[in-house]
Amino acid sequence: MIYLGLWLLALVASTAQAANITQQTEGPCSPAIAQTGGDVKINCQAGVDPKVLQQINENFNKMITKANNNERKLEEIKRKVEEWPNRFNDLFRQAKTNRDNQLGQQAEALLWKGKLEQANTLLNPPPITMAHYHAIQLGMSYQEVVGILGRHGEEMGKSVGITSYVWKGANYSMLVAAFVNDQLQALTPSGLR
């Protein structure tokens, strides 16, 4: 009987000890998500806007509530929670090592605002294809060209009524466009497939 009492006491003590798990992570934005008994929380020490983190945490916790104990949905949410800081860290490293300092700084600013998809598109633009080139017609406005390419161009120069932009894509694909009074007058492709 004494042994059973000691065994139960040891079991209760080990359970109480297990509930006080301390986790530490590394990197500018890393979650501690193993053994969570309640809300998941992502913490970033390197300057991510606390309001953005609060919104991200609220979104994940709303997703958890909506999952309604569905294991498949909860696993998907857990994967997304685990993925977010890894994607943040990967994109952060890409931004820091990007050869184009201005582009790297723009991507970093987007990351600190929690806009991972926009930072990813900036750092890893999809290729510009011949289909894009053929879809663009002289006389189109800048916004119409943006709609076709799916992103804004980088302004190259501006003078009286004339503005030129470049769109750079993966694999050195590129389009250079000149607009006169917001109407496309010239379009030059490079490296398109």
C-alpha atoms as a PDB file:
ATOM      1  CA  MET A   1       0.000   0.000   0.000  1.00  0.00           C
ATOM      2  CA  ILE A   2       2.856   2.359   0.835  1.00  0.00           C
ATOM      3  CA  TYR A   3       4.483   1.572  -2.511  1.00  0.00           C
ATOM      4  CA  LEU A   4       1.240   2.333  -4.340  1.00  0.00           C
ATOM      5  CA  GLY A   5       0.989   5.673  -2.499  1.00  0.00           C
ATOM      6  CA  LEU A   6       4.603   6.571  -3.354  1.00  0.00           C
ATOM      7  CA  TRP A   7       4.052   5.552  -6.962  1.00  0.00           C
ATOM      8  CA  LEU A   8       0.942   7.776  -7.202  1.00  0.00           C
ATOM      9  CA  LEU A   9       2.819  10.659  -5.553  1.00  0.00           C
ATOM     10  CA  ALA A  10       5.677  10.276  -8.047  1.00  0.00           C
ATOM     11  CA  LEU A  11       3.196  10.147 -10.941  1.00  0.00           C
ATOM     12  CA  VAL A  12       1.438  13.338  -9.776  1.00  0.00           C
ATOM     13  CA  ALA A  13       4.784  15.103  -9.267  1.00  0.00           C
ATOM     14  CA  SER A  14       6.042  14.126 -12.740  1.00  0.00           C
ATOM     15  CA  THR A  15       2.748  15.232 -14.332  1.00  0.00           C
ATOM     16  CA  ALA A  16       2.911  18.579 -12.558  1.00  0.00           C
ATOM     17  CA  GLN A  17       6.515  18.962 -13.639  1.00  0.00           C
ATOM     18  CA  ALA A  18       5.660  18.144 -17.288  1.00  0.00           C
ATOM     19  CA  ALA A  19       3.002  20.874 -17.345  1.00  0.00           C
ATOM     20  CA  ASN A  20       5.693  23.519 -16.721  1.00  0.00           C
ATOM     21  CA  ILE A  21       7.642  22.969 -19.927  1.00  0.00           C
ATOM     22  CA  THR A  22       9.902  25.822 -20.966  1.00  0.00           C
ATOM     23  CA  GLN A  23      10.747  26.040 -24.655  1.00  0.00           C
ATOM     24  CA  GLN A  24      13.337  28.215 -26.305  1.00  0.00           C
ATOM     25  CA  THR A  25      13.729  28.812 -30.010  1.00  0.00           C
ATOM     26  CA  GLU A  26      16.285  30.598 -32.136  1.00  0.00           C
ATOM     27  CA  GLY A  27      16.037  32.939 -35.096  1.00  0.00           C
ATOM     28  CA  PRO A  28      14.354  36.308 -35.548  1.00  0.00           C
ATOM     29  CA  CYS A  29      10.912  34.701 -35.595  1.00  0.00           C
ATOM     30  CA  SER A  30      10.430  31.215 -34.176  1.00  0.00           C
ATOM     31  CA  PRO A  31       7.412  29.601 -32.522  1.00  0.00           C
ATOM     32  CA  ALA A  32       7.416  27.250 -29.577  1.00  0.00           C
ATOM     33  CA  ILE A  33       4.559  24.954 -30.568  1.00  0.00           C
ATOM     34  CA  ALA A  34       5.351  21.496 -29.251  1.00  0.00           C
ATOM     35  CA  GLN A  35       3.283  20.328 -26.276  1.00  0.00           C
ATOM     36  CA  THR A  36       0.916  23.288 -26.391  1.00  0.00           C
ATOM     37  CA  GLY A  37      -2.087  22.766 -24.196  1.00  0.00           C
ATOM     38  CA  GLY A  38      -3.942  25.826 -25.417  1.00  0.00           C
ATOM     39  CA  ASP A  39      -3.371  28.768 -27.695  1.00  0.00           C
ATOM     40  CA  VAL A  40      -0.444  28.750 -30.077  1.00  0.00           C
ATOM     41  CA  LYS A  41       1.674  31.867 -29.952  1.00  0.00           C
ATOM     42  CA  ILE A  42       4.369  33.031 -32.358  1.00  0.00           C
ATOM     43  CA  ASN A  43       6.927  35.397 -30.855  1.00  0.00           C
ATOM     44  CA  CYS A  44       9.387  37.437 -32.886  1.00  0.00           C
ATOM     45  CA  GLN A  45      12.221  39.170 -31.132  1.00  0.00           C
ATOM     46  CA  ALA A  46      13.620  41.030 -34.132  1.00  0.00           C
ATOM     47  CA  GLY A  47      11.173  43.872 -34.689  1.00  0.00           C
ATOM     48  CA  VAL A  48       8.036  42.416 -36.242  1.00  0.00           C
ATOM     49  CA  ASP A  49       5.259  44.844 -35.491  1.00  0.00           C
ATOM     50  CA  PRO A  50       3.502  43.530 -32.333  1.00  0.00           C
ATOM     51  CA  LYS A  51       0.129  44.407 -33.886  1.00  0.00           C
ATOM     52  CA  VAL A  52       0.960  42.157 -36.848  1.00  0.00           C
ATOM     53  CA  LEU A  53       1.955  39.316 -34.522  1.00  0.00           C
ATOM     54  CA  GLN A  54      -1.213  39.799 -32.510  1.00  0.00           C
ATOM     55  CA  GLN A  55      -3.273  39.600 -35.714  1.00  0.00           C
ATOM     56  CA  ILE A  56      -1.391  36.496 -36.899  1.00  0.00           C
ATOM     57  CA  ASN A  57      -1.857  34.795 -33.526  1.00  0.00           C
ATOM     58  CA  GLU A  58      -5.567  35.707 -33.505  1.00  0.00           C
ATOM     59  CA  ASN A  59      -5.973  34.331 -37.028  1.00  0.00           C
ATOM     60  CA  PHE A  60      -4.309  31.045 -36.107  1.00  0.00           C
ATOM     61  CA  ASN A  61      -6.399  30.722 -32.963  1.00  0.00           C
ATOM     62  CA  LYS A  62      -9.613  31.457 -34.918  1.00  0.00           C
ATOM     63  CA  MET A  63      -8.578  28.711 -37.324  1.00  0.00           C
ATOM     64  CA  ILE A  64      -8.085  26.359 -34.375  1.00  0.00           C
ATOM     65  CA  THR A  65     -11.550  27.214 -33.036  1.00  0.00           C
ATOM     66  CA  LYS A  66     -13.154  26.689 -36.462  1.00  0.00           C
ATOM     67  CA  ALA A  67     -11.369  23.346 -36.840  1.00  0.00           C
ATOM     68  CA  ASN A  68     -13.772  22.058 -34.175  1.00  0.00           C
ATOM     69  CA  ASN A  69     -11.388  19.303 -33.009  1.00  0.00           C
ATOM     70  CA  ASN A  70     -11.108  17.896 -36.552  1.00  0.00           C
ATOM     71  CA  GLU A  71      -7.690  16.252 -36.424  1.00  0.00           C
ATOM     72  CA  ARG A  72      -6.965  16.733 -40.124  1.00  0.00           C
ATOM     73  CA  LYS A  73      -7.756  20.453 -39.935  1.00  0.00           C
ATOM     74  CA  LEU A  74      -5.769  20.845 -36.722  1.00  0.00           C
ATOM     75  CA  GLU A  75      -2.743  19.168 -38.332  1.00  0.00           C
ATOM     76  CA  GLU A  76      -3.021  21.563 -41.292  1.00  0.00           C
ATOM     77  CA  ILE A  77      -3.157  24.547 -38.927  1.00  0.00           C
ATOM     78  CA  LYS A  78      -0.193  23.197 -36.964  1.00  0.00           C
ATOM     79  CA  ARG A  79       1.739  22.852 -40.236  1.00  0.00           C
ATOM     80  CA  LYS A  80       0.922  26.465 -41.146  1.00  0.00           C
ATOM     81  CA  VAL A  81       1.953  27.708 -37.710  1.00  0.00           C
ATOM     82  CA  GLU A  82       5.231  25.796 -37.979  1.00  0.00           C
ATOM     83  CA  GLU A  83       5.752  26.992 -41.547  1.00  0.00           C
ATOM     84  CA  TRP A  84       5.183  30.719 -40.933  1.00  0.00           C
ATOM     85  CA  PRO A  85       8.385  31.417 -38.948  1.00  0.00           C
ATOM     86  CA  ASN A  86      10.440  29.163 -41.220  1.00  0.00           C
ATOM     87  CA  ARG A  87       9.207  31.077 -44.260  1.00  0.00           C
ATOM     88  CA  PHE A  88       9.829  34.353 -42.420  1.00  0.00           C
ATOM     89  CA  ASN A  89      13.402  33.296 -41.582  1.00  0.00           C
ATOM     90  CA  ASP A  90      14.110  32.039 -45.124  1.00  0.00           C
ATOM     91  CA  LEU A  91      12.794  35.218 -46.702  1.00  0.00           C
ATOM     92  CA  PHE A  92      14.613  37.346 -44.129  1.00  0.00           C
ATOM     93  CA  ARG A  93      17.918  35.663 -45.066  1.00  0.00           C
ATOM     94  CA  GLN A  94      17.133  36.147 -48.755  1.00  0.00           C
ATOM     95  CA  ALA A  95      16.410  39.833 -48.197  1.00  0.00           C
ATOM     96  CA  LYS A  96      19.659  40.305 -46.246  1.00  0.00           C
ATOM     97  CA  THR A  97      21.787  38.593 -48.918  1.00  0.00           C
ATOM     98  CA  ASN A  98      20.026  40.004 -51.986  1.00  0.00           C
ATOM     99  CA  ARG A  99      22.441  41.673 -54.410  1.00  0.00           C
ATOM    100  CA  ASP A 100      19.968  44.502 -54.954  1.00  0.00           C
ATOM    101  CA  ASN A 101      20.121  46.333 -51.597  1.00  0.00           C
ATOM    102  CA  GLN A 102      17.027  48.413 -52.312  1.00  0.00           C
ATOM    103  CA  LEU A 103      14.989  45.316 -53.173  1.00  0.00           C
ATOM    104  CA  GLY A 104      16.280  43.567 -50.043  1.00  0.00           C
ATOM    105  CA  GLN A 105      15.253  46.531 -47.886  1.00  0.00           C
ATOM    106  CA  GLN A 106      11.787  46.611 -49.461  1.00  0.00           C
ATOM    107  CA  ALA A 107      11.374  42.887 -48.786  1.00  0.00           C
ATOM    108  CA  GLU A 108      12.555  43.328 -45.185  1.00  0.00           C
ATOM    109  CA  ALA A 109      10.019  46.109 -44.635  1.00  0.00           C
ATOM    110  CA  LEU A 110       7.258  43.825 -45.932  1.00  0.00           C
ATOM    111  CA  LEU A 111       8.425  41.006 -43.660  1.00  0.00           C
ATOM    112  CA  TRP A 112       8.316  43.223 -40.569  1.00  0.00           C
ATOM    113  CA  LYS A 113       4.714  44.006 -41.452  1.00  0.00           C
ATOM    114  CA  GLY A 114       3.914  40.275 -41.706  1.00  0.00           C
ATOM    115  CA  LYS A 115       3.396  40.403 -45.491  1.00  0.00           C
ATOM    116  CA  LEU A 116       5.244  37.198 -46.365  1.00  0.00           C
ATOM    117  CA  GLU A 117       3.538  36.605 -49.718  1.00  0.00           C
ATOM    118  CA  GLN A 118       4.376  40.092 -50.989  1.00  0.00           C
ATOM    119  CA  ALA A 119       7.990  39.764 -49.792  1.00  0.00           C
ATOM    120  CA  ASN A 120       8.246  36.365 -51.479  1.00  0.00           C
ATOM    121  CA  THR A 121       6.951  37.749 -54.795  1.00  0.00           C
ATOM    122  CA  LEU A 122       9.421  40.627 -54.561  1.00  0.00           C
ATOM    123  CA  LEU A 123      12.387  38.332 -53.823  1.00  0.00           C
ATOM    124  CA  ASN A 124      11.308  35.433 -56.050  1.00  0.00           C
ATOM    125  CA  PRO A 125       9.298  36.909 -58.902  1.00  0.00           C
ATOM    126  CA  PRO A 126       7.648  34.448 -61.250  1.00  0.00           C
ATOM    127  CA  PRO A 127       9.015  34.420 -64.793  1.00  0.00           C
ATOM    128  CA  ILE A 128       7.651  36.807 -67.362  1.00  0.00           C
ATOM    129  CA  THR A 129       6.610  34.809 -70.400  1.00  0.00           C
ATOM    130  CA  MET A 130       5.916  35.361 -74.081  1.00  0.00           C
ATOM    131  CA  ALA A 131       2.222  34.931 -73.210  1.00  0.00           C
ATOM    132  CA  HIS A 132       2.495  38.013 -70.974  1.00  0.00           C
ATOM    133  CA  TYR A 133       4.249  39.925 -73.742  1.00  0.00           C
ATOM    134  CA  HIS A 134       1.593  39.031 -76.338  1.00  0.00           C
ATOM    135  CA  ALA A 135      -1.244  39.933 -73.945  1.00  0.00           C
ATOM    136  CA  ILE A 136       0.068  43.484 -73.565  1.00  0.00           C
ATOM    137  CA  GLN A 137      -1.039  45.913 -76.283  1.00  0.00           C
ATOM    138  CA  LEU A 138       0.239  49.371 -77.174  1.00  0.00           C
ATOM    139  CA  GLY A 139      -2.081  52.046 -75.807  1.00  0.00           C
ATOM    140  CA  MET A 140      -2.774  50.173 -72.559  1.00  0.00           C
ATOM    141  CA  SER A 141      -2.510  52.065 -69.276  1.00  0.00           C
ATOM    142  CA  TYR A 142       0.096  51.253 -66.643  1.00  0.00           C
ATOM    143  CA  GLN A 143      -2.604  49.669 -64.435  1.00  0.00           C
ATOM    144  CA  GLU A 144      -3.728  47.407 -67.286  1.00  0.00           C
ATOM    145  CA  VAL A 145      -0.141  46.174 -67.742  1.00  0.00           C
ATOM    146  CA  VAL A 146       0.152  45.658 -63.977  1.00  0.00           C
ATOM    147  CA  GLY A 147      -3.033  43.584 -64.141  1.00  0.00           C
ATOM    148  CA  ILE A 148      -1.517  41.313 -66.793  1.00  0.00           C
ATOM    149  CA  LEU A 149       1.863  40.925 -65.093  1.00  0.00           C
ATOM    150  CA  GLY A 150       0.426  40.655 -61.592  1.00  0.00           C
ATOM    151  CA  ARG A 151       2.774  43.166 -60.010  1.00  0.00           C
ATOM    152  CA  HIS A 152       3.993  46.755 -60.278  1.00  0.00           C
ATOM    153  CA  GLY A 153       7.014  47.637 -62.340  1.00  0.00           C
ATOM    154  CA  GLU A 154      10.143  49.305 -61.077  1.00  0.00           C
ATOM    155  CA  GLU A 155      10.254  52.915 -62.259  1.00  0.00           C
ATOM    156  CA  MET A 156      13.397  53.487 -64.328  1.00  0.00           C
ATOM    157  CA  GLY A 157      12.971  57.088 -65.303  1.00  0.00           C
ATOM    158  CA  LYS A 158      10.553  59.932 -65.663  1.00  0.00           C
ATOM    159  CA  SER A 159      10.489  63.073 -67.761  1.00  0.00           C
ATOM    160  CA  VAL A 160       7.806  65.360 -69.169  1.00  0.00           C
ATOM    161  CA  GLY A 161       4.848  62.972 -69.585  1.00  0.00           C
ATOM    162  CA  ILE A 162       7.070  59.914 -70.207  1.00  0.00           C
ATOM    163  CA  THR A 163       7.639  57.213 -67.597  1.00  0.00           C
ATOM    164  CA  SER A 164       9.570  54.011 -68.145  1.00  0.00           C
ATOM    165  CA  TYR A 165       9.291  50.844 -66.052  1.00  0.00           C
ATOM    166  CA  VAL A 166      11.006  47.481 -65.920  1.00  0.00           C
ATOM    167  CA  TRP A 167       9.479  44.204 -64.811  1.00  0.00           C
ATOM    168  CA  LYS A 168      12.060  41.594 -63.871  1.00  0.00           C
ATOM    169  CA  GLY A 169      11.152  37.944 -63.590  1.00  0.00           C
ATOM    170  CA  ALA A 170      12.866  34.671 -62.814  1.00  0.00           C
ATOM    171  CA  ASN A 171      15.467  33.298 -65.230  1.00  0.00           C
ATOM    172  CA  TYR A 172      16.476  36.832 -66.292  1.00  0.00           C
ATOM    173  CA  SER A 173      13.139  37.419 -68.003  1.00  0.00           C
ATOM    174  CA  MET A 174      12.322  41.097 -68.327  1.00  0.00           C
ATOM    175  CA  LEU A 175      10.015  43.634 -69.938  1.00  0.00           C
ATOM    176  CA  VAL A 176      10.850  47.316 -70.330  1.00  0.00           C
ATOM    177  CA  ALA A 177       7.933  49.617 -71.063  1.00  0.00           C
ATOM    178  CA  ALA A 178       7.611  53.315 -71.871  1.00  0.00           C
ATOM    179  CA  PHE A 179       4.364  55.141 -71.151  1.00  0.00           C
ATOM    180  CA  VAL A 180       3.466  58.553 -72.546  1.00  0.00           C
ATOM    181  CA  ASN A 181       0.682  60.191 -70.553  1.00  0.00           C
ATOM    182  CA  ASP A 182      -0.128  56.744 -69.058  1.00  0.00           C
ATOM    183  CA  GLN A 183      -0.457  55.041 -72.440  1.00  0.00           C
ATOM    184  CA  LEU A 184       1.973  52.292 -73.415  1.00  0.00           C
ATOM    185  CA  GLN A 185       4.053  53.453 -76.388  1.00  0.00           C
ATOM    186  CA  ALA A 186       6.962  50.964 -76.398  1.00  0.00           C
ATOM    187  CA  LEU A 187       7.541  47.481 -74.974  1.00  0.00           C
ATOM    188  CA  THR A 188      10.861  45.656 -75.117  1.00  0.00           C
ATOM    189  CA  PRO A 189      11.141  41.985 -74.080  1.00  0.00           C
ATOM    190  CA  SER A 190      14.290  40.198 -72.936  1.00  0.00           C
ATOM    191  CA  GLY A 191      14.861  36.540 -72.038  1.00  0.00           C
ATOM    192  CA  LEU A 192      11.201  35.528 -72.467  1.00  0.00           C
ATOM    193  CA  ARG A 193      10.134  31.973 -73.198  1.00  0.00           C
END
